[in-house]
Amino acid sequence: MPENKEQEDKKEMDAHERLKWETARELGLDDDLANPGDELTAREAGKIGGQMVRKLIKAGEKALAGKDRPKQKQPENPPTGK
C-alpha cells in the first residue's frame, strides 16, 4: 500500500509543479523559474504563490458549488396495491 501513497504524492507534486509553471508563465516569470542559477526575488515568489492560492481557492469554490446544487426530486412510484 505504500506504493499507492507514493504514487498519489507524485501526482499531487506533478499537479503542483504544473500549476506553478503555468502561473509563472502567466506572470512572465517562467524564464526566472527556469534558470536554476538565478534566484527568484521574494516579491516574484510571492506573486507566483499568491496567484496559485487564488487559483486553488477558485477551483475549490467551483467544486463546492457543484456539490451544493439541490438534487432533483425523483418521481414517486405509485403504490402497487399488493
C-alpha atoms as a PDB file:
ATOM      1  CA  MET A   1       0.000   0.000   0.000  1.00  0.00           C
ATOM      2  CA  PRO A   2       2.894   2.460   0.478  1.00  0.00           C
ATOM      3  CA  GLU A   3       3.404   2.426  -3.285  1.00  0.00           C
ATOM      4  CA  ASN A   4      -0.100   3.797  -3.821  1.00  0.00           C
ATOM      5  CA  LYS A   5       0.590   6.608  -1.333  1.00  0.00           C
ATOM      6  CA  GLU A   6       3.845   7.414  -3.113  1.00  0.00           C
ATOM      7  CA  GLN A   7       2.063   7.471  -6.477  1.00  0.00           C
ATOM      8  CA  GLU A   8      -0.606   9.800  -5.086  1.00  0.00           C
ATOM      9  CA  ASP A   9       2.064  12.087  -3.635  1.00  0.00           C
ATOM     10  CA  LYS A  10       3.853  12.156  -7.001  1.00  0.00           C
ATOM     11  CA  LYS A  11       0.611  13.028  -8.835  1.00  0.00           C
ATOM     12  CA  GLU A  12      -0.056  15.828  -6.372  1.00  0.00           C
ATOM     13  CA  MET A  13       3.503  17.116  -6.768  1.00  0.00           C
ATOM     14  CA  ASP A  14       3.181  16.971 -10.552  1.00  0.00           C
ATOM     15  CA  ALA A  15      -0.076  18.920 -10.395  1.00  0.00           C
ATOM     16  CA  HIS A  16       1.538  21.438  -8.051  1.00  0.00           C
ATOM     17  CA  GLU A  17       4.521  21.854 -10.378  1.00  0.00           C
ATOM     18  CA  ARG A  18       2.257  22.297 -13.415  1.00  0.00           C
ATOM     19  CA  LEU A  19       0.268  24.943 -11.567  1.00  0.00           C
ATOM     20  CA  LYS A  20       3.457  26.716 -10.514  1.00  0.00           C
ATOM     21  CA  TRP A  21       4.843  26.796 -14.049  1.00  0.00           C
ATOM     22  CA  GLU A  22       1.510  27.820 -15.562  1.00  0.00           C
ATOM     23  CA  THR A  23       1.217  30.687 -13.096  1.00  0.00           C
ATOM     24  CA  ALA A  24       4.824  31.792 -13.605  1.00  0.00           C
ATOM     25  CA  ARG A  25       4.254  31.769 -17.370  1.00  0.00           C
ATOM     26  CA  GLU A  26       1.124  33.930 -16.994  1.00  0.00           C
ATOM     27  CA  LEU A  27       3.101  36.413 -14.890  1.00  0.00           C
ATOM     28  CA  GLY A  28       6.060  36.413 -17.279  1.00  0.00           C
ATOM     29  CA  LEU A  29       8.326  34.875 -14.640  1.00  0.00           C
ATOM     30  CA  ASP A  30       8.839  31.443 -16.172  1.00  0.00           C
ATOM     31  CA  ASP A  31      12.269  32.414 -17.503  1.00  0.00           C
ATOM     32  CA  ASP A  32      13.376  33.281 -13.957  1.00  0.00           C
ATOM     33  CA  LEU A  33      11.990  29.988 -12.694  1.00  0.00           C
ATOM     34  CA  ALA A  34      13.683  28.004 -15.463  1.00  0.00           C
ATOM     35  CA  ASN A  35      17.246  29.086 -14.669  1.00  0.00           C
ATOM     36  CA  PRO A  36      18.379  27.230 -11.557  1.00  0.00           C
ATOM     37  CA  GLY A  37      21.325  29.609 -11.059  1.00  0.00           C
ATOM     38  CA  ASP A  38      19.027  32.612 -10.932  1.00  0.00           C
ATOM     39  CA  GLU A  39      17.063  33.048  -7.775  1.00  0.00           C
ATOM     40  CA  LEU A  40      13.587  34.479  -7.616  1.00  0.00           C
ATOM     41  CA  THR A  41      13.187  37.569  -5.501  1.00  0.00           C
ATOM     42  CA  ALA A  42      10.814  37.320  -2.570  1.00  0.00           C
ATOM     43  CA  ARG A  43       8.428  39.549  -4.487  1.00  0.00           C
ATOM     44  CA  GLU A  44       8.465  37.266  -7.559  1.00  0.00           C
ATOM     45  CA  ALA A  45       7.985  34.134  -5.473  1.00  0.00           C
ATOM     46  CA  GLY A  46       5.152  35.857  -3.619  1.00  0.00           C
ATOM     47  CA  LYS A  47       3.438  36.786  -6.866  1.00  0.00           C
ATOM     48  CA  ILE A  48       3.578  33.195  -8.077  1.00  0.00           C
ATOM     49  CA  GLY A  49       2.447  31.760  -4.739  1.00  0.00           C
ATOM     50  CA  GLY A  50      -0.351  34.296  -4.333  1.00  0.00           C
ATOM     51  CA  GLN A  51      -1.737  33.592  -7.785  1.00  0.00           C
ATOM     52  CA  MET A  52      -1.515  29.852  -7.151  1.00  0.00           C
ATOM     53  CA  VAL A  53      -3.544  30.256  -3.966  1.00  0.00           C
ATOM     54  CA  ARG A  54      -6.172  32.316  -5.788  1.00  0.00           C
ATOM     55  CA  LYS A  55      -6.479  29.640  -8.467  1.00  0.00           C
ATOM     56  CA  LEU A  56      -6.770  26.860  -5.889  1.00  0.00           C
ATOM     57  CA  ILE A  57      -9.444  28.758  -3.962  1.00  0.00           C
ATOM     58  CA  LYS A  58     -11.392  29.409  -7.152  1.00  0.00           C
ATOM     59  CA  ALA A  59     -11.177  25.718  -8.112  1.00  0.00           C
ATOM     60  CA  GLY A  60     -12.316  24.688  -4.622  1.00  0.00           C
ATOM     61  CA  GLU A  61     -15.250  27.083  -4.685  1.00  0.00           C
ATOM     62  CA  LYS A  62     -16.251  25.797  -8.097  1.00  0.00           C
ATOM     63  CA  ALA A  63     -16.086  22.196  -6.868  1.00  0.00           C
ATOM     64  CA  LEU A  64     -18.152  23.021  -3.796  1.00  0.00           C
ATOM     65  CA  ALA A  65     -20.721  24.892  -5.860  1.00  0.00           C
ATOM     66  CA  GLY A  66     -21.235  21.758  -7.932  1.00  0.00           C
ATOM     67  CA  LYS A  67     -21.862  19.705  -4.803  1.00  0.00           C
ATOM     68  CA  ASP A  68     -24.295  22.225  -3.316  1.00  0.00           C
ATOM     69  CA  ARG A  69     -26.746  22.058  -6.177  1.00  0.00           C
ATOM     70  CA  PRO A  70     -30.107  20.808  -4.972  1.00  0.00           C
ATOM     71  CA  LYS A  71     -30.877  17.339  -6.183  1.00  0.00           C
ATOM     72  CA  GLN A  72     -33.891  16.973  -8.395  1.00  0.00           C
ATOM     73  CA  LYS A  73     -36.771  15.257  -6.720  1.00  0.00           C
ATOM     74  CA  GLN A  74     -37.324  11.797  -8.107  1.00  0.00           C
ATOM     75  CA  PRO A  75     -40.912  10.973  -9.126  1.00  0.00           C
ATOM     76  CA  GLU A  76     -42.594   8.814  -6.561  1.00  0.00           C
ATOM     77  CA  ASN A  77     -43.701   5.366  -7.587  1.00  0.00           C
ATOM     78  CA  PRO A  78     -47.443   4.873  -7.166  1.00  0.00           C
ATOM     79  CA  PRO A  79     -48.461   2.105  -4.748  1.00  0.00           C
ATOM     80  CA  THR A  80     -48.878  -1.229  -6.489  1.00  0.00           C
ATOM     81  CA  GLY A  81     -51.795  -2.500  -4.391  1.00  0.00           C
ATOM     82  CA  LYS A  82     -50.113  -5.777  -3.450  1.00  0.00           C
END
